[in-house]
Amino acid sequence: MTPTRWLFTITALLIGAAAGLGTYTFGYAKGASYLTDDPAACANCHVMREQYDGWVKSSHRNVATCNDCHTPHNLIGKYATKGRNGFLHSAWFTVGGFPEPIRITEASRAVTEGACRHCHQEIVTAIDPAVPAGHGREDSCLRCHSSVGHWTR
């Protein structure tokens, strides 16, 4: 076999193996479910079961899904956030080292804070009219309402 043919064969085998492993992993991890707004997708991973069960018991289950609170309210921001979080979640769950119980990151906290303020804009404006969101604000919805959306015992 010529060196060019040998290189082509090795490259094709590696690409085929990566595609096969990726397809298997995507199917096994129920990857397509993460493209939907179904909150049950968030419970595919055992570390999110408590958060999902808390959402089921909360008043927000009647008006909001996980994506309503944890992704921006625009198409590009939503799927960029889902992609970033999905990649980081799968990487951390594969190699370990994530905290249990799972904790929200500062970036995700900012998205969630924006969602609270978006949906509850009328009351937020009445309470906090002087300082626009994200401009050095000291307070946060989650400071007083930390269990909203995820009812706790």
N, C-alpha and C. Protein backbone atom coordinates (compact mmCIF):
# COMPACT_ATOMS: atom_id res chain seq x y z
N MET A 1 0.84 -1.16 0.00
CA MET A 1 0.00 0.00 0.00
C MET A 1 0.90 1.24 0.00
N THR A 2 0.51 2.23 -0.80
CA THR A 2 1.30 3.45 -0.89
C THR A 2 1.09 4.28 0.37
N PRO A 3 2.04 5.16 0.68
CA PRO A 3 1.89 6.01 1.87
C PRO A 3 0.62 6.88 1.81
N THR A 4 0.25 7.36 0.63
CA THR A 4 -0.95 8.18 0.50
C THR A 4 -2.19 7.36 0.79
N ARG A 5 -2.23 6.15 0.27
CA ARG A 5 -3.38 5.27 0.50
C ARG A 5 -3.46 4.88 1.98
N TRP A 6 -2.30 4.62 2.57
CA TRP A 6 -2.24 4.27 3.99
C TRP A 6 -2.78 5.43 4.85
N LEU A 7 -2.36 6.65 4.57
CA LEU A 7 -2.81 7.84 5.29
C LEU A 7 -4.32 8.03 5.11
N PHE A 8 -4.81 7.84 3.89
CA PHE A 8 -6.25 7.96 3.62
C PHE A 8 -7.04 6.93 4.42
N THR A 9 -6.57 5.70 4.47
CA THR A 9 -7.26 4.63 5.20
C THR A 9 -7.29 4.92 6.69
N ILE A 10 -6.19 5.33 7.26
CA ILE A 10 -6.12 5.66 8.69
C ILE A 10 -7.05 6.83 9.00
N THR A 11 -7.02 7.86 8.17
CA THR A 11 -7.88 9.03 8.37
C THR A 11 -9.35 8.64 8.29
N ALA A 12 -9.73 7.82 7.32
CA ALA A 12 -11.12 7.38 7.17
C ALA A 12 -11.54 6.55 8.39
N LEU A 13 -10.68 5.68 8.88
CA LEU A 13 -10.99 4.88 10.06
C LEU A 13 -11.19 5.76 11.31
N LEU A 14 -10.32 6.75 11.48
CA LEU A 14 -10.45 7.64 12.63
C LEU A 14 -11.73 8.48 12.55
N ILE A 15 -12.03 8.99 11.37
CA ILE A 15 -13.26 9.78 11.20
C ILE A 15 -14.49 8.90 11.42
N GLY A 16 -14.46 7.69 10.88
CA GLY A 16 -15.56 6.76 11.07
C GLY A 16 -15.76 6.38 12.52
N ALA A 17 -14.67 6.13 13.23
CA ALA A 17 -14.75 5.78 14.66
C ALA A 17 -15.29 6.96 15.47
N ALA A 18 -14.81 8.16 15.17
CA ALA A 18 -15.29 9.35 15.90
C ALA A 18 -16.78 9.58 15.61
N ALA A 19 -17.19 9.44 14.35
CA ALA A 19 -18.61 9.64 14.00
C ALA A 19 -19.48 8.57 14.66
N GLY A 20 -19.01 7.33 14.65
CA GLY A 20 -19.77 6.25 15.29
C GLY A 20 -19.89 6.45 16.80
N LEU A 21 -18.79 6.80 17.44
CA LEU A 21 -18.80 7.04 18.89
C LEU A 21 -19.68 8.25 19.22
N GLY A 22 -19.57 9.30 18.42
CA GLY A 22 -20.39 10.49 18.63
C GLY A 22 -21.87 10.21 18.47
N THR A 23 -22.22 9.44 17.45
CA THR A 23 -23.62 9.08 17.21
C THR A 23 -24.16 8.22 18.34
N TYR A 24 -23.38 7.25 18.77
CA TYR A 24 -23.78 6.39 19.89
C TYR A 24 -23.99 7.23 21.16
N THR A 25 -23.02 8.09 21.46
CA THR A 25 -23.11 8.91 22.67
C THR A 25 -24.31 9.84 22.62
N PHE A 26 -24.56 10.48 21.48
CA PHE A 26 -25.70 11.38 21.31
C PHE A 26 -27.01 10.62 21.54
N GLY A 27 -27.11 9.41 21.01
CA GLY A 27 -28.31 8.60 21.21
C GLY A 27 -28.45 8.12 22.64
N TYR A 28 -27.37 7.62 23.22
CA TYR A 28 -27.39 7.11 24.59
C TYR A 28 -27.74 8.21 25.59
N ALA A 29 -27.21 9.42 25.35
CA ALA A 29 -27.43 10.55 26.25
C ALA A 29 -28.73 11.30 25.95
N LYS A 30 -29.52 10.76 25.01
CA LYS A 30 -30.78 11.40 24.62
C LYS A 30 -30.54 12.84 24.17
N GLY A 31 -29.52 13.03 23.36
CA GLY A 31 -29.10 14.35 22.92
C GLY A 31 -30.17 15.17 22.24
N ALA A 32 -31.03 14.53 21.45
CA ALA A 32 -32.08 15.29 20.75
C ALA A 32 -33.06 15.92 21.73
N SER A 33 -33.24 15.33 22.91
CA SER A 33 -34.18 15.89 23.88
C SER A 33 -33.73 17.26 24.37
N TYR A 34 -32.43 17.54 24.31
CA TYR A 34 -31.93 18.83 24.78
C TYR A 34 -32.22 19.96 23.79
N LEU A 35 -32.66 19.62 22.60
CA LEU A 35 -33.02 20.64 21.61
C LEU A 35 -34.46 21.11 21.80
N THR A 36 -35.19 20.48 22.69
CA THR A 36 -36.59 20.83 22.94
C THR A 36 -36.71 21.70 24.18
N ASP A 37 -37.94 22.09 24.50
CA ASP A 37 -38.22 22.83 25.74
C ASP A 37 -38.80 21.93 26.82
N ASP A 38 -38.73 20.62 26.64
CA ASP A 38 -39.28 19.67 27.60
C ASP A 38 -38.42 19.63 28.86
N PRO A 39 -38.97 20.03 30.01
CA PRO A 39 -38.20 20.03 31.25
C PRO A 39 -37.68 18.65 31.64
N ALA A 40 -38.34 17.60 31.22
CA ALA A 40 -37.86 16.25 31.55
C ALA A 40 -36.46 16.01 31.00
N ALA A 41 -36.08 16.71 29.93
CA ALA A 41 -34.73 16.56 29.38
C ALA A 41 -33.68 16.96 30.41
N CYS A 42 -34.01 17.93 31.24
CA CYS A 42 -33.05 18.37 32.25
C CYS A 42 -32.82 17.30 33.30
N ALA A 43 -33.75 16.36 33.43
CA ALA A 43 -33.61 15.28 34.41
C ALA A 43 -32.98 14.03 33.80
N ASN A 44 -32.55 14.09 32.54
CA ASN A 44 -31.86 12.95 31.94
C ASN A 44 -30.63 12.58 32.76
N CYS A 45 -30.01 13.60 33.33
CA CYS A 45 -28.82 13.37 34.14
C CYS A 45 -29.23 13.30 35.60
N HIS A 46 -28.72 12.33 36.31
CA HIS A 46 -29.15 12.11 37.69
C HIS A 46 -28.88 13.29 38.60
N VAL A 47 -27.88 14.12 38.33
CA VAL A 47 -27.59 15.23 39.23
C VAL A 47 -28.62 16.35 39.13
N MET A 48 -29.48 16.32 38.12
CA MET A 48 -30.51 17.34 37.98
C MET A 48 -31.87 16.85 38.48
N ARG A 49 -31.96 15.64 38.96
CA ARG A 49 -33.25 15.09 39.40
C ARG A 49 -33.88 15.94 40.49
N GLU A 50 -33.11 16.36 41.48
CA GLU A 50 -33.65 17.16 42.57
C GLU A 50 -34.21 18.50 42.07
N GLN A 51 -33.49 19.12 41.12
CA GLN A 51 -33.97 20.40 40.57
C GLN A 51 -35.25 20.18 39.78
N TYR A 52 -35.31 19.12 39.00
CA TYR A 52 -36.52 18.82 38.23
C TYR A 52 -37.70 18.54 39.16
N ASP A 53 -37.48 17.72 40.18
CA ASP A 53 -38.55 17.42 41.13
C ASP A 53 -39.02 18.68 41.85
N GLY A 54 -38.09 19.58 42.16
CA GLY A 54 -38.45 20.85 42.78
C GLY A 54 -39.28 21.72 41.86
N TRP A 55 -38.92 21.73 40.57
CA TRP A 55 -39.69 22.50 39.59
C TRP A 55 -41.11 21.94 39.47
N VAL A 56 -41.26 20.62 39.48
CA VAL A 56 -42.58 20.00 39.38
C VAL A 56 -43.48 20.46 40.53
N LYS A 57 -42.90 20.68 41.71
CA LYS A 57 -43.67 21.10 42.89
C LYS A 57 -43.87 22.61 42.95
N SER A 58 -43.19 23.36 42.11
CA SER A 58 -43.23 24.81 42.21
C SER A 58 -44.40 25.42 41.43
N SER A 59 -44.72 26.66 41.75
CA SER A 59 -45.77 27.37 41.02
C SER A 59 -45.32 27.71 39.61
N HIS A 60 -44.03 27.79 39.35
CA HIS A 60 -43.53 28.14 38.03
C HIS A 60 -43.79 27.05 36.98
N ARG A 61 -44.03 25.81 37.41
CA ARG A 61 -44.23 24.73 36.44
C ARG A 61 -45.42 25.02 35.53
N ASN A 62 -46.38 25.83 36.01
CA ASN A 62 -47.56 26.16 35.21
C ASN A 62 -47.30 27.24 34.18
N VAL A 63 -46.20 27.97 34.31
CA VAL A 63 -45.96 29.10 33.42
C VAL A 63 -44.57 29.13 32.78
N ALA A 64 -43.65 28.27 33.23
CA ALA A 64 -42.29 28.36 32.71
C ALA A 64 -41.62 26.98 32.66
N THR A 65 -40.82 26.78 31.62
CA THR A 65 -39.99 25.59 31.53
C THR A 65 -38.57 25.97 31.95
N CYS A 66 -37.70 25.00 32.02
CA CYS A 66 -36.31 25.27 32.38
C CYS A 66 -35.70 26.33 31.47
N ASN A 67 -35.96 26.21 30.17
CA ASN A 67 -35.39 27.16 29.22
C ASN A 67 -35.90 28.57 29.41
N ASP A 68 -37.12 28.74 29.91
CA ASP A 68 -37.64 30.08 30.13
C ASP A 68 -36.82 30.83 31.18
N CYS A 69 -36.28 30.13 32.14
CA CYS A 69 -35.52 30.75 33.22
C CYS A 69 -34.00 30.65 33.03
N HIS A 70 -33.54 29.64 32.32
CA HIS A 70 -32.10 29.38 32.26
C HIS A 70 -31.46 29.65 30.91
N THR A 71 -32.22 30.19 29.96
CA THR A 71 -31.63 30.60 28.68
C THR A 71 -32.16 31.98 28.32
N PRO A 72 -31.40 32.77 27.56
CA PRO A 72 -31.88 34.08 27.13
C PRO A 72 -33.15 33.95 26.27
N HIS A 73 -33.89 35.02 26.18
CA HIS A 73 -35.17 35.01 25.46
C HIS A 73 -35.00 35.40 24.00
N ASN A 74 -33.95 34.94 23.37
CA ASN A 74 -33.79 35.10 21.92
C ASN A 74 -33.17 33.81 21.39
N LEU A 75 -33.46 33.51 20.12
CA LEU A 75 -33.09 32.22 19.53
C LEU A 75 -31.59 31.94 19.59
N ILE A 76 -30.78 32.90 19.19
CA ILE A 76 -29.33 32.68 19.17
C ILE A 76 -28.80 32.53 20.58
N GLY A 77 -29.20 33.41 21.48
CA GLY A 77 -28.75 33.32 22.88
C GLY A 77 -29.19 32.02 23.53
N LYS A 78 -30.42 31.60 23.24
CA LYS A 78 -30.95 30.36 23.82
C LYS A 78 -30.08 29.17 23.43
N TYR A 79 -29.86 28.99 22.13
CA TYR A 79 -29.11 27.80 21.68
C TYR A 79 -27.61 27.93 21.93
N ALA A 80 -27.09 29.14 21.98
CA ALA A 80 -25.68 29.31 22.36
C ALA A 80 -25.49 28.90 23.82
N THR A 81 -26.41 29.32 24.68
CA THR A 81 -26.34 28.96 26.10
C THR A 81 -26.54 27.47 26.29
N LYS A 82 -27.54 26.90 25.59
CA LYS A 82 -27.76 25.45 25.69
C LYS A 82 -26.53 24.68 25.20
N GLY A 83 -25.91 25.14 24.13
CA GLY A 83 -24.72 24.48 23.60
C GLY A 83 -23.55 24.56 24.57
N ARG A 84 -23.32 25.76 25.11
CA ARG A 84 -22.23 25.94 26.08
C ARG A 84 -22.47 25.08 27.31
N ASN A 85 -23.67 25.17 27.88
CA ASN A 85 -23.97 24.39 29.08
C ASN A 85 -23.93 22.89 28.80
N GLY A 86 -24.46 22.48 27.66
CA GLY A 86 -24.45 21.06 27.31
C GLY A 86 -23.04 20.52 27.19
N PHE A 87 -22.17 21.29 26.53
CA PHE A 87 -20.78 20.86 26.39
C PHE A 87 -20.11 20.77 27.75
N LEU A 88 -20.26 21.82 28.56
CA LEU A 88 -19.62 21.82 29.88
C LEU A 88 -20.18 20.73 30.78
N HIS A 89 -21.51 20.54 30.75
CA HIS A 89 -22.10 19.48 31.58
C HIS A 89 -21.56 18.11 31.17
N SER A 90 -21.57 17.84 29.87
CA SER A 90 -21.11 16.52 29.43
C SER A 90 -19.63 16.32 29.74
N ALA A 91 -18.82 17.37 29.59
CA ALA A 91 -17.40 17.25 29.89
C ALA A 91 -17.18 16.98 31.38
N TRP A 92 -17.85 17.75 32.24
CA TRP A 92 -17.67 17.56 33.68
C TRP A 92 -18.22 16.22 34.15
N PHE A 93 -19.34 15.79 33.59
CA PHE A 93 -19.91 14.52 34.01
C PHE A 93 -19.06 13.35 33.52
N THR A 94 -18.36 13.54 32.41
CA THR A 94 -17.49 12.49 31.89
C THR A 94 -16.23 12.35 32.73
N VAL A 95 -15.60 13.48 33.07
CA VAL A 95 -14.34 13.44 33.80
C VAL A 95 -14.51 13.57 35.30
N GLY A 96 -15.72 13.91 35.76
CA GLY A 96 -15.97 14.07 37.19
C GLY A 96 -15.49 15.43 37.67
N GLY A 97 -15.59 15.65 38.95
CA GLY A 97 -15.09 16.89 39.52
C GLY A 97 -16.11 17.99 39.67
N PHE A 98 -17.37 17.74 39.33
CA PHE A 98 -18.39 18.77 39.53
C PHE A 98 -18.93 18.65 40.95
N PRO A 99 -19.37 19.78 41.52
CA PRO A 99 -19.86 19.73 42.89
C PRO A 99 -21.25 19.10 42.98
N GLU A 100 -21.48 18.35 44.03
CA GLU A 100 -22.82 17.83 44.31
C GLU A 100 -23.22 18.34 45.68
N PRO A 101 -24.36 18.97 45.84
CA PRO A 101 -25.33 19.18 44.78
C PRO A 101 -24.81 20.20 43.77
N ILE A 102 -25.30 20.07 42.56
CA ILE A 102 -24.87 20.94 41.47
C ILE A 102 -25.19 22.39 41.82
N ARG A 103 -24.32 23.30 41.42
CA ARG A 103 -24.47 24.73 41.71
C ARG A 103 -24.52 25.52 40.41
N ILE A 104 -25.24 26.62 40.43
CA ILE A 104 -25.34 27.48 39.26
C ILE A 104 -24.05 28.29 39.12
N THR A 105 -23.60 28.49 37.88
CA THR A 105 -22.41 29.30 37.63
C THR A 105 -22.80 30.77 37.60
N GLU A 106 -21.82 31.64 37.67
CA GLU A 106 -22.11 33.08 37.62
C GLU A 106 -22.74 33.47 36.28
N ALA A 107 -22.28 32.88 35.19
CA ALA A 107 -22.86 33.18 33.87
C ALA A 107 -24.32 32.75 33.82
N SER A 108 -24.61 31.55 34.33
CA SER A 108 -25.99 31.07 34.34
C SER A 108 -26.86 31.87 35.32
N ARG A 109 -26.28 32.32 36.41
CA ARG A 109 -27.00 33.14 37.37
C ARG A 109 -27.41 34.46 36.72
N ALA A 110 -26.54 35.03 35.92
CA ALA A 110 -26.86 36.29 35.23
C ALA A 110 -28.00 36.09 34.23
N VAL A 111 -27.99 34.97 33.52
CA VAL A 111 -29.08 34.67 32.59
C VAL A 111 -30.39 34.51 33.35
N THR A 112 -30.36 33.78 34.47
CA THR A 112 -31.55 33.55 35.27
C THR A 112 -32.07 34.86 35.86
N GLU A 113 -31.18 35.69 36.33
CA GLU A 113 -31.57 37.01 36.85
C GLU A 113 -32.26 37.82 35.76
N GLY A 114 -31.73 37.79 34.55
CA GLY A 114 -32.35 38.49 33.43
C GLY A 114 -33.74 37.95 33.12
N ALA A 115 -33.91 36.63 33.24
CA ALA A 115 -35.22 36.02 32.98
C ALA A 115 -36.23 36.44 34.03
N CYS A 116 -35.82 36.48 35.30
CA CYS A 116 -36.72 36.94 36.37
C CYS A 116 -37.19 38.36 36.06
N ARG A 117 -36.24 39.21 35.73
CA ARG A 117 -36.55 40.61 35.48
C ARG A 117 -37.38 40.79 34.21
N HIS A 118 -37.19 39.92 33.23
CA HIS A 118 -37.98 39.99 32.00
C HIS A 118 -39.44 39.65 32.27
N CYS A 119 -39.68 38.54 32.93
CA CYS A 119 -41.05 38.08 33.16
C CYS A 119 -41.78 38.91 34.22
N HIS A 120 -41.03 39.43 35.17
CA HIS A 120 -41.63 40.20 36.27
C HIS A 120 -41.28 41.68 36.14
N GLN A 121 -41.16 42.15 34.90
CA GLN A 121 -40.71 43.52 34.62
C GLN A 121 -41.55 44.58 35.32
N GLU A 122 -42.85 44.39 35.37
CA GLU A 122 -43.72 45.40 35.96
C GLU A 122 -43.39 45.61 37.45
N ILE A 123 -43.25 44.53 38.18
CA ILE A 123 -42.97 44.67 39.61
C ILE A 123 -41.53 45.10 39.85
N VAL A 124 -40.61 44.62 39.02
CA VAL A 124 -39.20 45.01 39.17
C VAL A 124 -39.05 46.50 38.95
N THR A 125 -39.74 47.04 37.96
CA THR A 125 -39.68 48.47 37.69
C THR A 125 -40.22 49.28 38.87
N ALA A 126 -41.26 48.78 39.50
CA ALA A 126 -41.83 49.48 40.64
C ALA A 126 -40.90 49.42 41.86
N ILE A 127 -40.19 48.31 42.01
CA ILE A 127 -39.31 48.14 43.16
C ILE A 127 -37.95 48.80 42.94
N ASP A 128 -37.44 48.70 41.75
CA ASP A 128 -36.05 49.07 41.46
C ASP A 128 -35.97 49.95 40.21
N PRO A 129 -36.63 51.11 40.19
CA PRO A 129 -36.68 51.91 38.97
C PRO A 129 -35.41 52.67 38.63
N ALA A 130 -34.55 52.93 39.61
CA ALA A 130 -33.42 53.82 39.38
C ALA A 130 -32.24 53.17 38.68
N VAL A 131 -32.05 51.88 38.86
CA VAL A 131 -30.85 51.23 38.33
C VAL A 131 -31.23 50.18 37.31
N PRO A 132 -30.87 50.39 36.01
CA PRO A 132 -31.20 49.38 35.01
C PRO A 132 -30.45 48.07 35.27
N ALA A 133 -31.04 46.96 34.84
CA ALA A 133 -30.46 45.63 35.05
C ALA A 133 -29.04 45.57 34.50
N GLY A 134 -28.14 45.00 35.28
CA GLY A 134 -26.76 44.78 34.84
C GLY A 134 -25.86 45.99 34.96
N HIS A 135 -26.28 47.05 35.60
CA HIS A 135 -25.47 48.26 35.71
C HIS A 135 -25.04 48.51 37.15
N GLY A 136 -24.25 47.60 37.71
CA GLY A 136 -23.73 47.77 39.05
C GLY A 136 -24.75 47.52 40.15
N ARG A 137 -25.79 46.82 39.83
CA ARG A 137 -26.83 46.54 40.82
C ARG A 137 -26.26 45.63 41.91
N GLU A 138 -26.54 45.96 43.14
CA GLU A 138 -26.08 45.16 44.27
C GLU A 138 -27.06 44.04 44.59
N ASP A 139 -28.35 44.29 44.39
CA ASP A 139 -29.35 43.30 44.76
C ASP A 139 -29.60 42.32 43.62
N SER A 140 -30.26 41.25 43.96
CA SER A 140 -30.56 40.21 43.00
C SER A 140 -31.87 39.56 43.39
N CYS A 141 -32.66 39.16 42.42
CA CYS A 141 -33.91 38.45 42.70
C CYS A 141 -33.62 37.19 43.52
N LEU A 142 -32.53 36.51 43.16
CA LEU A 142 -32.21 35.23 43.80
C LEU A 142 -31.71 35.39 45.23
N ARG A 143 -31.34 36.61 45.61
CA ARG A 143 -30.90 36.84 46.99
C ARG A 143 -32.03 36.52 47.97
N CYS A 144 -33.25 36.93 47.61
CA CYS A 144 -34.40 36.67 48.49
C CYS A 144 -35.25 35.49 48.02
N HIS A 145 -35.18 35.20 46.74
CA HIS A 145 -36.05 34.17 46.15
C HIS A 145 -35.22 33.00 45.62
N SER A 146 -34.30 32.51 46.41
CA SER A 146 -33.36 31.48 45.94
C SER A 146 -34.02 30.15 45.60
N SER A 147 -35.16 29.85 46.21
CA SER A 147 -35.78 28.55 45.92
C SER A 147 -36.93 28.66 44.91
N VAL A 148 -37.17 29.84 44.38
CA VAL A 148 -38.24 30.00 43.39
C VAL A 148 -37.88 29.19 42.15
N GLY A 149 -38.85 28.47 41.66
CA GLY A 149 -38.62 27.63 40.49
C GLY A 149 -38.21 26.23 40.86
N HIS A 150 -37.51 26.11 41.98
CA HIS A 150 -37.07 24.80 42.49
C HIS A 150 -37.50 24.73 43.94
N TRP A 151 -38.75 24.39 44.15
CA TRP A 151 -39.28 24.30 45.51
C TRP A 151 -38.40 23.38 46.34
N THR A 152 -38.10 23.83 47.53
CA THR A 152 -37.28 23.00 48.42
C THR A 152 -38.07 22.62 49.66
N ARG A 153 -37.67 21.55 50.29
CA ARG A 153 -38.36 21.04 51.47
C ARG A 153 -38.16 21.94 52.65
